[in-house]
Amino acid sequence: MSHSSGDSPLAIAGEVYTTLDQTGVVTTSGDVEQAPFGIVMFSDEATRAGIACYFPFIGGIEHEVVVLVRSAEIDAQLRGVFSVEAHGFLGRFQNAKTDLTFPELAITDLAEIVTRVEVEGDVTRVVCRFTPVTSIPSWVYLWWSGAEPLAVQSCSISQVSTDEVGTTLDFTAVILDDQTCFALDTLLPLHDTLTVRFGVAHPSKQVSRVDLLTVRPSLAAVHHGSVSNWRAQAAEATSTYAEQLGMTQSAIVHSSDGPVGSAGLLATGRVDWAWNGHTITAVFEDTVSVRDLTLADAESIVQCSLVVTWSDETTTLVDLRHDNIEKFMTTVRPLRRQWFTAQAERGGRVLEIGGRGSNAAFHRSVLATCDYVSMDIVAGPNVDFVGDAHDLLATFEPESFDAVLADQVFEHLHAPWKAAIEINRILKVGGSVYICAPSAFPLHAEPWDFFRFSDHSWHSLFNASTGFEIEQTELAQPMLITPRVAASPFIMVNTGRSYMMSSVVATKISEPTVTWEAAPVTDSQVWYPESGIAELRNRM
């Protein structure tokens, strides 16, 4: 089995010949030891055998998996199912998978994977394309379940286009003044610990030590990551940095020299930096829990910096304190910024639904070039009109606005599909709408907290039937979701990709062809209108 990526340094020398049979026995010849990211053969049951390859994927770039298979027995006809499966870490907690049924060569693609099959003599060429949603080293599995043994002659994994850099909102890599490339993955306080996971690399130097500086004194810290000749002691510059910043150095009591993946560095397109990741976990002197602290004290827990000591004895300070950390974070809701900037330039009459409070007042100031109007279900600061998003025509004239926005409001609506139709009715053709709502967020403002939205969900609300065309959707502000008791089957749930906010920008292209015949919702006990969706009598 050969595993290659074109001219990538990850290419495996030599050819590996692998056979999968119905008993789960895997036979192989050739050199598999040279695989830098690993090839594993295994079986999970008596009638299925598999091969797994570990490979660094770059988010936002289409990848191609090419597998050559044939019968392991001369003149035998294959009967069974061959599957190519990309691990769920590459997608949204679901595996991209294709099943190829022999001898019909029927293809079943699942979860955003596209497959084609080419037959060349007795060899079947299976070509699968899919786009990972994040940059991460991960697994591709080859499965066989059939009556006759299947021979996997070769397998290659490559980027369809290597000229572009992967796009992901999960990580941001920053080039510092000394050419150091730094990518912050996780900065996570949990009870009395702080975990910092990051990637750091330099074009001409290797890491020999990393130290953590914190505002809150710590008892000890543990480091994991690849280093070159680990320095037992911190560089003299480390204590100087600590004194200058008013911080304390965490004593590293253990350092494990081993590969740690860095999705942020990988997203830059530097595949050779894929394993330049590090994790440092510090235990604070005082047992704390964020939920028991004031906001100021809670912020002190994550006030930290890193000092990287290189193989040439030089050091680099990575300041992660609050005044500096924003440049290492992914842009907070970039679609929101783009829409507000564009709308301020366009001008016109703009309605904000849910316009009560300080955030909406800020929106009024940002849209000072527009005729800004604010509406809310109850009176309050910044509210110009009291009205119901489910019945906007009761408050405003048809086609009387050039734009409509609702920021963190749709999760509180009983029937957001009804609101989408109402927005269309008061919006001019060509008018723009911006909606932002939580995708993953704690319960709040109960009992009026009803929904959470993925980026896919907006297509069910803003579409041709409701008279809209979506311009762009977005998931932003990545999160980790962790159960308080991580028991099976939820142990791995925090490895899935989650986001705090989901947004959409859409344009009105026509009048809606559907309606929701229901009275305005005013009672918290009224959950859903009973009349259902009815087609307009003049629907085309």
Protein backbone atom coordinates (compact mmCIF):
# COMPACT_ATOMS: atom_id res chain seq x y z
CA MET A 1 0.00 0.00 0.00
CA SER A 2 1.65 3.24 -1.02
CA HIS A 3 0.66 6.43 0.68
CA SER A 4 1.78 9.59 -1.04
CA SER A 5 1.03 13.26 -1.50
CA GLY A 6 2.76 14.17 -4.72
CA ASP A 7 6.07 15.89 -3.96
CA SER A 8 5.19 16.16 -0.28
CA PRO A 9 7.89 15.05 2.21
CA LEU A 10 5.25 12.65 3.52
CA ALA A 11 5.60 10.32 0.54
CA ILE A 12 6.27 6.68 1.43
CA ALA A 13 9.05 4.95 -0.44
CA GLY A 14 8.31 1.51 -1.77
CA GLU A 15 5.16 -0.37 -2.68
CA VAL A 16 3.02 -2.20 -0.16
CA TYR A 17 0.72 -5.00 -1.22
CA THR A 18 -2.17 -5.67 1.13
CA THR A 19 -4.90 -8.28 1.05
CA LEU A 20 -8.16 -8.13 3.01
CA ASP A 21 -10.25 -11.28 3.38
CA GLN A 22 -13.58 -12.13 4.98
CA THR A 23 -11.99 -13.54 8.15
CA GLY A 24 -10.38 -10.22 8.94
CA VAL A 25 -6.91 -11.60 8.25
CA VAL A 26 -4.66 -8.98 6.67
CA THR A 27 -1.59 -10.09 4.74
CA THR A 28 0.96 -7.58 3.54
CA SER A 29 4.29 -7.42 1.77
CA GLY A 30 6.58 -4.47 1.25
CA ASP A 31 7.87 -1.78 3.58
CA VAL A 32 5.29 -0.15 5.82
CA GLU A 33 7.78 1.05 8.42
CA GLN A 34 8.62 4.16 6.40
CA ALA A 35 5.13 5.58 6.80
CA PRO A 36 5.70 8.79 8.83
CA PHE A 37 2.02 9.14 9.69
CA GLY A 38 1.23 5.50 10.13
CA ILE A 39 -0.52 2.65 8.38
CA VAL A 40 -2.56 0.31 10.55
CA MET A 41 -4.22 -2.96 9.51
CA PHE A 42 -7.05 -4.30 11.62
CA SER A 43 -10.42 -6.06 11.64
CA ASP A 44 -13.48 -5.15 13.68
CA GLU A 45 -15.58 -8.24 13.08
CA ALA A 46 -15.39 -11.63 11.40
CA THR A 47 -16.68 -10.43 8.04
CA ARG A 48 -14.92 -7.08 7.69
CA ALA A 49 -11.28 -6.04 7.54
CA GLY A 50 -9.75 -2.61 7.28
CA ILE A 51 -6.69 -0.49 6.68
CA ALA A 52 -6.19 2.93 8.26
CA CYS A 53 -3.86 5.69 7.05
CA TYR A 54 -2.87 8.75 9.07
CA PHE A 55 -2.38 11.89 7.01
CA PRO A 56 -2.30 15.68 7.56
CA PHE A 57 -5.32 17.38 5.97
CA ILE A 58 -5.67 21.09 5.25
CA GLY A 59 -9.09 22.61 5.86
CA GLY A 60 -10.84 24.30 2.97
CA ILE A 61 -8.82 22.48 0.27
CA GLU A 62 -10.29 19.61 -1.71
CA HIS A 63 -8.44 16.33 -1.18
CA GLU A 64 -8.39 13.26 -3.38
CA VAL A 65 -8.05 9.65 -2.26
CA VAL A 66 -7.20 7.21 -5.05
CA VAL A 67 -7.31 3.49 -4.29
CA LEU A 68 -6.47 0.68 -6.72
CA VAL A 69 -8.13 -2.64 -5.81
CA ARG A 70 -8.55 -6.02 -7.46
CA SER A 71 -9.39 -9.57 -6.55
CA ALA A 72 -6.67 -11.33 -4.60
CA GLU A 73 -7.50 -14.56 -6.43
CA ILE A 74 -6.91 -15.15 -10.11
CA ASP A 75 -10.08 -15.03 -12.25
CA ALA A 76 -12.27 -14.58 -9.16
CA GLN A 77 -15.18 -12.13 -9.33
CA LEU A 78 -15.40 -9.74 -6.42
CA ARG A 79 -18.68 -9.75 -4.51
CA GLY A 80 -19.05 -7.46 -1.54
CA VAL A 81 -18.78 -3.85 -0.41
CA PHE A 82 -15.57 -1.79 -0.46
CA SER A 83 -15.67 1.43 1.56
CA VAL A 84 -13.50 4.52 1.80
CA GLU A 85 -14.16 6.49 4.96
CA ALA A 86 -12.63 9.75 6.26
CA HIS A 87 -12.73 10.19 10.01
CA GLY A 88 -15.38 12.45 11.52
CA PHE A 89 -12.72 14.78 12.94
CA LEU A 90 -12.31 16.02 9.36
CA GLY A 91 -15.98 16.94 9.12
CA ARG A 92 -18.70 17.95 11.49
CA PHE A 93 -18.61 14.92 13.76
CA GLN A 94 -19.63 12.62 10.94
CA ASN A 95 -17.54 10.44 8.66
CA ALA A 96 -17.37 11.19 4.94
CA LYS A 97 -17.91 7.76 3.44
CA THR A 98 -18.47 6.03 0.13
CA ASP A 99 -19.59 2.43 -0.43
CA LEU A 100 -18.75 0.65 -3.67
CA THR A 101 -20.75 -2.54 -4.23
CA PHE A 102 -19.20 -5.29 -6.37
CA PRO A 103 -19.80 -6.56 -9.01
CA GLU A 104 -22.38 -3.88 -9.89
CA LEU A 105 -19.96 -1.03 -9.08
CA ALA A 106 -22.86 0.83 -7.50
CA ILE A 107 -21.72 3.93 -5.57
CA THR A 108 -23.31 5.30 -2.41
CA ASP A 109 -21.78 8.59 -1.21
CA LEU A 110 -22.45 9.94 2.28
CA ALA A 111 -21.55 13.28 3.91
CA GLU A 112 -20.09 15.48 1.20
CA ILE A 113 -17.87 12.97 -0.59
CA VAL A 114 -17.92 12.51 -4.37
CA THR A 115 -16.70 9.25 -5.91
CA ARG A 116 -16.03 7.99 -9.39
CA VAL A 117 -14.89 4.52 -10.49
CA GLU A 118 -12.64 3.57 -13.40
CA VAL A 119 -11.98 -0.02 -14.47
CA GLU A 120 -8.56 -0.75 -15.96
CA GLY A 121 -8.34 -4.46 -16.83
CA ASP A 122 -8.69 -6.41 -13.61
CA VAL A 123 -7.97 -3.33 -11.49
CA THR A 124 -10.69 -1.02 -10.21
CA ARG A 125 -9.62 2.58 -9.59
CA VAL A 126 -11.69 4.28 -6.87
CA VAL A 127 -11.33 8.07 -6.76
CA CYS A 128 -12.90 9.95 -3.82
CA ARG A 129 -12.90 13.71 -3.36
CA PHE A 130 -13.91 15.64 -0.27
CA THR A 131 -13.01 18.88 1.48
CA PRO A 132 -12.07 18.74 5.17
CA VAL A 133 -13.65 21.49 7.23
CA THR A 134 -10.61 21.88 9.46
CA SER A 135 -6.85 21.35 9.33
CA ILE A 136 -5.87 18.27 11.30
CA PRO A 137 -3.85 15.08 10.96
CA SER A 138 -6.47 12.35 10.81
CA TRP A 139 -7.46 8.92 9.51
CA VAL A 140 -8.73 7.53 6.22
CA TYR A 141 -10.10 3.97 6.45
CA LEU A 142 -10.41 1.32 3.73
CA TRP A 143 -12.96 -1.42 4.50
CA TRP A 144 -13.84 -4.66 2.76
CA SER A 145 -16.73 -6.97 3.45
CA GLY A 146 -17.09 -9.74 0.90
CA ALA A 147 -16.93 -13.41 0.06
CA GLU A 148 -13.57 -13.26 -1.74
CA PRO A 149 -10.33 -11.62 -0.57
CA LEU A 150 -9.74 -8.09 -1.89
CA ALA A 151 -6.26 -6.83 -2.75
CA VAL A 152 -5.52 -3.14 -2.14
CA GLN A 153 -2.78 -2.58 -4.67
CA SER A 154 -2.08 1.07 -3.86
CA CYS A 155 -3.54 4.12 -2.19
CA SER A 156 -2.59 7.77 -2.56
CA ILE A 157 -3.90 10.83 -0.74
CA SER A 158 -3.20 14.26 -2.18
CA GLN A 159 -4.46 17.82 -2.32
CA VAL A 160 -6.34 18.59 -5.49
CA SER A 161 -4.84 22.10 -5.49
CA THR A 162 -1.64 22.85 -3.61
CA ASP A 163 -1.43 26.49 -4.66
CA GLU A 164 -4.09 27.75 -2.27
CA VAL A 165 -3.89 28.01 1.49
CA GLY A 166 -6.53 26.28 3.54
CA THR A 167 -9.34 28.37 4.98
CA THR A 168 -10.76 27.76 8.42
CA LEU A 169 -12.25 29.92 11.14
CA ASP A 170 -10.89 27.56 13.77
CA PHE A 171 -7.29 28.76 13.91
CA THR A 172 -5.20 31.79 13.07
CA ALA A 173 -1.45 31.55 12.46
CA VAL A 174 0.54 34.73 13.10
CA ILE A 175 4.06 35.56 11.90
CA LEU A 176 5.95 37.38 14.67
CA ASP A 177 8.79 39.87 14.23
CA ASP A 178 11.53 37.21 14.36
CA GLN A 179 9.83 35.04 11.68
CA THR A 180 8.34 32.77 14.31
CA CYS A 181 4.99 31.34 13.20
CA PHE A 182 2.58 30.89 16.12
CA ALA A 183 -0.93 29.42 16.11
CA LEU A 184 -3.11 29.32 19.22
CA ASP A 185 -5.38 26.28 19.35
CA THR A 186 -6.78 26.25 22.88
CA LEU A 187 -6.57 28.49 25.94
CA LEU A 188 -8.76 26.66 28.42
CA PRO A 189 -9.23 27.22 32.15
CA LEU A 190 -10.91 24.32 33.93
CA HIS A 191 -11.30 24.41 37.71
CA ASP A 192 -7.72 24.83 39.05
CA THR A 193 -5.88 24.19 35.76
CA LEU A 194 -5.00 26.12 32.63
CA THR A 195 -4.26 24.30 29.37
CA VAL A 196 -2.58 26.06 26.46
CA ARG A 197 -2.36 24.14 23.19
CA PHE A 198 -0.52 25.82 20.35
CA GLY A 199 1.80 25.38 17.40
CA VAL A 200 5.10 27.21 17.02
CA ALA A 201 7.70 26.95 14.28
CA HIS A 202 10.58 28.84 12.71
CA PRO A 203 12.00 28.49 9.18
CA SER A 204 15.56 27.88 10.42
CA LYS A 205 15.40 26.88 14.12
CA GLN A 206 14.05 24.10 16.30
CA VAL A 207 12.27 24.42 19.64
CA SER A 208 14.34 23.26 22.63
CA ARG A 209 12.07 24.45 25.46
CA VAL A 210 8.78 26.27 26.08
CA ASP A 211 7.89 28.03 29.35
CA LEU A 212 4.55 29.31 30.60
CA LEU A 213 4.21 32.62 32.47
CA THR A 214 0.98 33.29 34.38
CA VAL A 215 -0.49 36.10 36.45
CA ARG A 216 -1.92 33.62 38.93
CA PRO A 217 0.89 31.58 40.56
CA SER A 218 0.96 27.90 39.68
CA LEU A 219 2.31 24.86 41.49
CA ALA A 220 3.60 23.04 38.45
CA ALA A 221 3.17 22.52 34.70
CA VAL A 222 3.43 19.59 32.31
CA HIS A 223 4.64 20.01 28.73
CA HIS A 224 3.99 17.77 25.71
CA GLY A 225 5.49 18.40 22.30
CA SER A 226 8.39 17.79 19.96
CA VAL A 227 11.62 19.49 21.05
CA SER A 228 15.24 19.37 19.94
CA ASN A 229 17.55 18.54 22.87
CA TRP A 230 15.22 19.62 25.66
CA ARG A 231 16.80 22.26 27.88
CA ALA A 232 16.49 21.32 31.54
CA GLN A 233 16.57 24.96 32.61
CA ALA A 234 14.77 27.96 31.23
CA ALA A 235 16.81 30.61 29.46
CA GLU A 236 17.83 33.64 31.51
CA ALA A 237 15.57 35.74 29.31
CA THR A 238 12.54 33.87 30.71
CA SER A 239 12.92 35.36 34.20
CA THR A 240 13.53 38.77 32.65
CA TYR A 241 10.29 38.53 30.68
CA ALA A 242 8.41 37.41 33.80
CA GLU A 243 9.70 40.37 35.79
CA GLN A 244 8.89 42.84 33.03
CA LEU A 245 5.35 41.51 32.64
CA GLY A 246 4.66 41.08 36.36
CA MET A 247 4.06 37.35 35.93
CA THR A 248 5.37 34.14 37.47
CA GLN A 249 7.06 31.22 35.74
CA SER A 250 5.38 27.84 35.98
CA ALA A 251 7.82 25.13 36.99
CA ILE A 252 7.75 22.40 34.35
CA VAL A 253 7.91 19.15 36.29
CA HIS A 254 7.61 16.90 33.26
CA SER A 255 8.20 17.24 29.53
CA SER A 256 7.21 14.55 27.06
CA ASP A 257 9.09 14.66 23.76
CA GLY A 258 6.64 13.43 21.18
CA PRO A 259 4.59 14.58 18.19
CA VAL A 260 1.65 16.86 18.88
CA GLY A 261 -0.44 17.99 15.93
CA SER A 262 -0.92 21.67 15.16
CA ALA A 263 -3.99 22.39 13.05
CA GLY A 264 -3.19 26.09 13.03
CA LEU A 265 0.26 25.62 11.52
CA LEU A 266 -1.09 23.02 9.13
CA ALA A 267 -3.72 25.51 7.91
CA THR A 268 -0.90 27.76 6.64
CA GLY A 269 -0.10 25.11 4.04
CA ARG A 270 3.18 24.09 5.68
CA VAL A 271 2.60 20.35 5.88
CA ASP A 272 6.10 19.90 7.32
CA TRP A 273 4.95 21.88 10.39
CA ALA A 274 1.98 19.61 11.04
CA TRP A 275 3.57 18.08 14.17
CA ASN A 276 5.09 21.25 15.64
CA GLY A 277 2.37 21.42 18.28
CA HIS A 278 2.71 21.75 22.05
CA THR A 279 0.48 21.47 25.09
CA ILE A 280 1.23 22.94 28.51
CA THR A 281 -1.08 22.35 31.47
CA ALA A 282 -0.50 24.27 34.69
CA VAL A 283 -2.05 23.64 38.12
CA PHE A 284 -2.71 26.79 40.14
CA GLU A 285 -1.69 27.12 43.77
CA ASP A 286 -5.21 27.97 44.89
CA THR A 287 -8.06 25.67 43.90
CA VAL A 288 -10.43 27.75 41.85
CA SER A 289 -13.43 27.41 39.63
CA VAL A 290 -14.28 30.07 37.11
CA ARG A 291 -17.95 30.01 38.08
CA ASP A 292 -17.05 30.92 41.68
CA LEU A 293 -15.02 34.00 40.74
CA THR A 294 -15.74 37.56 39.78
CA LEU A 295 -15.17 38.44 36.13
CA ALA A 296 -11.91 40.22 36.97
CA ASP A 297 -10.56 37.24 38.91
CA ALA A 298 -11.72 34.83 36.20
CA GLU A 299 -9.87 36.85 33.58
CA SER A 300 -6.68 36.60 35.65
CA ILE A 301 -6.70 32.82 35.19
CA VAL A 302 -6.13 33.07 31.44
CA GLN A 303 -3.65 35.96 31.60
CA CYS A 304 -0.54 34.19 30.38
CA SER A 305 2.45 34.33 28.04
CA LEU A 306 4.84 31.81 26.50
CA VAL A 307 8.62 31.94 26.19
CA VAL A 308 10.04 29.78 23.40
CA THR A 309 13.73 28.86 23.65
CA TRP A 310 15.26 27.84 20.33
CA SER A 311 18.10 25.50 19.43
CA ASP A 312 20.47 28.48 18.94
CA GLU A 313 19.81 29.72 22.52
CA THR A 314 17.64 32.65 21.37
CA THR A 315 14.16 33.21 22.81
CA THR A 316 10.80 34.44 21.57
CA LEU A 317 8.10 35.94 23.79
CA VAL A 318 4.50 35.19 22.81
CA ASP A 319 2.34 37.57 24.81
CA LEU A 320 -1.16 36.09 25.28
CA ARG A 321 -2.45 38.65 27.75
CA HIS A 322 -5.81 40.29 27.10
CA ASP A 323 -4.41 43.42 25.46
CA ASN A 324 -2.52 41.31 22.94
CA ILE A 325 -4.42 38.05 22.53
CA GLU A 326 -6.91 39.23 19.92
CA LYS A 327 -4.35 38.97 17.13
CA PHE A 328 -3.96 35.27 17.91
CA MET A 329 -7.70 34.63 17.86
CA THR A 330 -9.86 33.91 14.87
CA THR A 331 -11.81 36.95 13.75
CA VAL A 332 -14.96 37.27 15.84
CA ARG A 333 -17.89 37.00 13.45
CA PRO A 334 -16.17 38.43 10.34
CA LEU A 335 -19.42 38.22 8.35
CA ARG A 336 -21.03 40.58 10.86
CA ARG A 337 -18.28 43.16 10.37
CA GLN A 338 -18.51 42.86 6.60
CA TRP A 339 -22.27 43.33 6.57
CA PHE A 340 -22.27 46.35 8.89
CA THR A 341 -19.48 48.02 6.90
CA ALA A 342 -21.24 47.43 3.59
CA GLN A 343 -24.63 48.57 4.91
CA ALA A 344 -23.17 51.76 6.36
CA GLU A 345 -21.80 52.53 2.90
CA ARG A 346 -25.11 51.68 1.18
CA GLY A 347 -27.21 53.74 3.58
CA GLY A 348 -31.01 53.48 3.37
CA ARG A 349 -33.63 52.56 5.96
CA VAL A 350 -32.59 49.74 8.29
CA LEU A 351 -34.74 47.86 10.80
CA GLU A 352 -33.22 46.06 13.77
CA ILE A 353 -35.45 43.37 15.27
CA GLY A 354 -34.72 42.94 18.96
CA GLY A 355 -33.29 46.40 19.36
CA ARG A 356 -33.41 46.69 23.15
CA GLY A 357 -30.15 47.15 25.04
CA SER A 358 -26.55 48.28 24.68
CA ASN A 359 -25.58 46.08 21.75
CA ALA A 360 -28.37 47.48 19.61
CA ALA A 361 -27.47 51.01 20.67
CA PHE A 362 -23.98 50.30 19.39
CA HIS A 363 -25.48 49.11 16.10
CA ARG A 364 -27.32 52.44 15.82
CA SER A 365 -24.00 54.28 16.10
CA VAL A 366 -22.29 52.02 13.55
CA LEU A 367 -25.17 52.60 11.12
CA ALA A 368 -25.23 56.34 11.68
CA THR A 369 -25.23 56.90 7.89
CA CYS A 370 -28.51 54.97 7.66
CA ASP A 371 -32.08 55.72 8.75
CA TYR A 372 -31.88 53.25 11.65
CA VAL A 373 -35.13 52.01 13.24
CA SER A 374 -35.27 49.71 16.26
CA MET A 375 -38.13 47.39 17.22
CA ASP A 376 -38.55 45.04 20.17
CA ILE A 377 -41.31 42.93 21.74
CA VAL A 378 -41.21 45.18 24.82
CA ALA A 379 -40.31 48.82 25.38
CA GLY A 380 -36.84 49.69 26.62
CA PRO A 381 -33.62 51.54 25.87
CA ASN A 382 -32.99 52.15 22.17
CA VAL A 383 -36.49 50.88 21.19
CA ASP A 384 -38.35 53.02 18.63
CA PHE A 385 -41.30 50.68 18.05
CA VAL A 386 -42.87 47.90 20.08
CA GLY A 387 -43.93 45.05 17.82
CA ASP A 388 -43.83 41.34 17.10
CA ALA A 389 -41.34 39.81 14.66
CA HIS A 390 -44.04 37.29 13.74
CA ASP A 391 -46.32 40.10 12.47
CA LEU A 392 -44.18 42.93 11.16
CA LEU A 393 -46.90 44.23 8.84
CA ALA A 394 -48.90 45.19 11.93
CA THR A 395 -46.21 47.78 12.65
CA PHE A 396 -44.61 48.67 9.32
CA GLU A 397 -45.64 49.24 5.71
CA PRO A 398 -44.82 46.66 3.03
CA GLU A 399 -41.44 47.09 1.33
CA SER A 400 -40.52 50.00 3.57
CA PHE A 401 -36.95 48.95 4.50
CA ASP A 402 -33.70 48.54 2.59
CA ALA A 403 -32.20 46.19 5.16
CA VAL A 404 -33.17 44.17 8.24
CA LEU A 405 -30.94 42.78 10.96
CA ALA A 406 -31.50 40.60 14.02
CA ASP A 407 -28.55 39.86 16.27
CA GLN A 408 -29.09 36.99 18.73
CA VAL A 409 -32.87 37.18 18.43
CA PHE A 410 -33.99 34.24 16.29
CA GLU A 411 -33.37 31.70 19.06
CA HIS A 412 -36.06 33.52 21.08
CA LEU A 413 -38.75 33.41 18.38
CA HIS A 414 -41.53 30.83 18.60
CA ALA A 415 -41.68 30.49 14.83
CA PRO A 416 -38.55 31.88 13.11
CA TRP A 417 -39.87 30.63 9.75
CA LYS A 418 -42.82 32.99 10.18
CA ALA A 419 -40.43 35.84 10.97
CA ALA A 420 -38.47 35.12 7.77
CA ILE A 421 -41.65 35.53 5.72
CA GLU A 422 -42.55 38.73 7.59
CA ILE A 423 -39.08 40.17 6.98
CA ASN A 424 -39.58 39.60 3.27
CA ARG A 425 -42.86 41.52 3.33
CA ILE A 426 -41.37 44.71 4.77
CA LEU A 427 -38.15 44.49 2.77
CA LYS A 428 -37.67 45.99 -0.68
CA VAL A 429 -36.62 43.71 -3.53
CA GLY A 430 -32.84 43.66 -3.50
CA GLY A 431 -32.81 44.48 0.19
CA SER A 432 -30.35 42.75 2.51
CA VAL A 433 -30.93 40.79 5.69
CA TYR A 434 -28.36 39.82 8.34
CA ILE A 435 -29.26 37.31 11.04
CA CYS A 436 -26.95 36.02 13.77
CA ALA A 437 -28.01 33.47 16.40
CA PRO A 438 -26.31 30.94 18.68
CA SER A 439 -25.20 27.60 17.34
CA ALA A 440 -23.89 26.34 20.70
CA PHE A 441 -24.64 28.43 23.76
CA PRO A 442 -25.98 27.92 27.30
CA LEU A 443 -29.69 28.27 27.93
CA HIS A 444 -30.57 31.91 28.55
CA ALA A 445 -33.56 34.25 28.82
CA GLU A 446 -35.79 31.30 29.65
CA PRO A 447 -38.50 30.35 28.99
CA TRP A 448 -38.05 32.26 25.74
CA ASP A 449 -35.11 30.21 24.49
CA PHE A 450 -36.27 27.83 21.77
CA PHE A 451 -33.70 27.19 19.03
CA ARG A 452 -30.05 26.78 17.99
CA PHE A 453 -28.87 27.20 14.40
CA SER A 454 -26.22 25.57 12.23
CA ASP A 455 -24.99 27.24 9.06
CA HIS A 456 -27.15 24.75 7.12
CA SER A 457 -30.32 25.74 8.97
CA TRP A 458 -30.51 29.15 7.29
CA HIS A 459 -31.29 27.49 3.96
CA SER A 460 -34.54 26.21 5.44
CA LEU A 461 -35.58 29.75 6.39
CA PHE A 462 -34.16 31.94 3.61
CA ASN A 463 -34.78 30.29 0.24
CA ALA A 464 -36.71 30.71 -3.00
CA SER A 465 -40.00 29.81 -1.30
CA THR A 466 -39.59 32.57 1.28
CA GLY A 467 -38.31 34.91 -1.44
CA PHE A 468 -34.60 35.04 -0.59
CA GLU A 469 -31.23 34.11 -2.00
CA ILE A 470 -28.48 33.41 0.53
CA GLU A 471 -25.26 35.30 -0.13
CA GLN A 472 -23.16 33.76 2.64
CA THR A 473 -23.39 31.77 5.87
CA GLU A 474 -20.89 31.56 8.67
CA LEU A 475 -19.99 29.62 11.78
CA ALA A 476 -17.74 31.62 14.10
CA GLN A 477 -16.14 31.60 17.54
CA PRO A 478 -15.10 27.92 17.89
CA MET A 479 -15.98 26.16 21.14
CA LEU A 480 -15.34 22.93 23.01
CA ILE A 481 -18.37 21.15 24.40
CA THR A 482 -17.42 18.91 27.29
CA PRO A 483 -19.74 16.88 29.53
CA ARG A 484 -19.20 17.32 33.26
CA VAL A 485 -18.88 13.56 33.58
CA ALA A 486 -17.15 12.23 30.47
CA ALA A 487 -18.59 8.73 30.43
CA SER A 488 -19.07 6.58 27.35
CA PRO A 489 -20.40 7.20 24.74
CA PHE A 490 -19.73 10.92 25.24
CA ILE A 491 -16.01 10.76 26.01
CA MET A 492 -15.08 12.06 22.55
CA VAL A 493 -17.75 14.73 22.25
CA ASN A 494 -15.27 17.55 22.91
CA THR A 495 -13.29 16.52 19.84
CA GLY A 496 -16.16 17.64 17.62
CA ARG A 497 -16.23 21.09 16.08
CA SER A 498 -18.68 23.48 17.73
CA TYR A 499 -19.25 27.19 17.29
CA MET A 500 -20.83 29.83 19.45
CA MET A 501 -22.50 31.79 16.65
CA SER A 502 -24.10 31.12 13.27
CA SER A 503 -24.88 33.88 10.77
CA VAL A 504 -26.45 34.44 7.38
CA VAL A 505 -26.61 37.26 4.84
CA ALA A 506 -29.44 36.98 2.31
CA THR A 507 -31.03 39.17 -0.36
CA LYS A 508 -34.73 39.50 -1.15
CA ILE A 509 -35.28 38.34 -4.72
CA SER A 510 -39.08 38.01 -4.84
CA GLU A 511 -42.27 37.85 -2.84
CA PRO A 512 -42.70 34.65 -0.78
CA THR A 513 -44.70 31.81 -2.28
CA VAL A 514 -45.60 30.38 1.13
CA THR A 515 -47.23 31.84 4.20
CA TRP A 516 -47.87 30.83 7.78
CA GLU A 517 -51.46 31.67 8.66
CA ALA A 518 -51.23 32.27 12.37
CA ALA A 519 -51.97 35.03 14.84
CA PRO A 520 -49.06 36.89 16.45
CA VAL A 521 -47.47 34.94 19.28
CA THR A 522 -47.83 36.73 22.61
CA ASP A 523 -48.26 33.92 25.15
CA SER A 524 -45.25 31.82 26.24
CA GLN A 525 -47.54 28.76 26.36
CA VAL A 526 -48.27 29.05 22.64
CA TRP A 527 -45.49 26.97 21.17
CA TYR A 528 -46.37 26.47 17.51
CA PRO A 529 -49.28 27.70 15.41
CA GLU A 530 -51.60 24.89 14.39
CA SER A 531 -52.65 26.03 10.96
CA GLY A 532 -49.42 24.95 9.26
CA ILE A 533 -47.91 26.29 6.07
CA ALA A 534 -50.45 27.07 3.38
CA GLU A 535 -49.66 27.95 -0.19
CA LEU A 536 -50.82 31.29 -1.42
CA ARG A 537 -53.71 30.98 -3.83
CA ASN A 538 -51.76 32.77 -6.51
CA ARG A 539 -48.64 30.65 -6.13
CA MET A 540 -46.92 30.22 -9.47
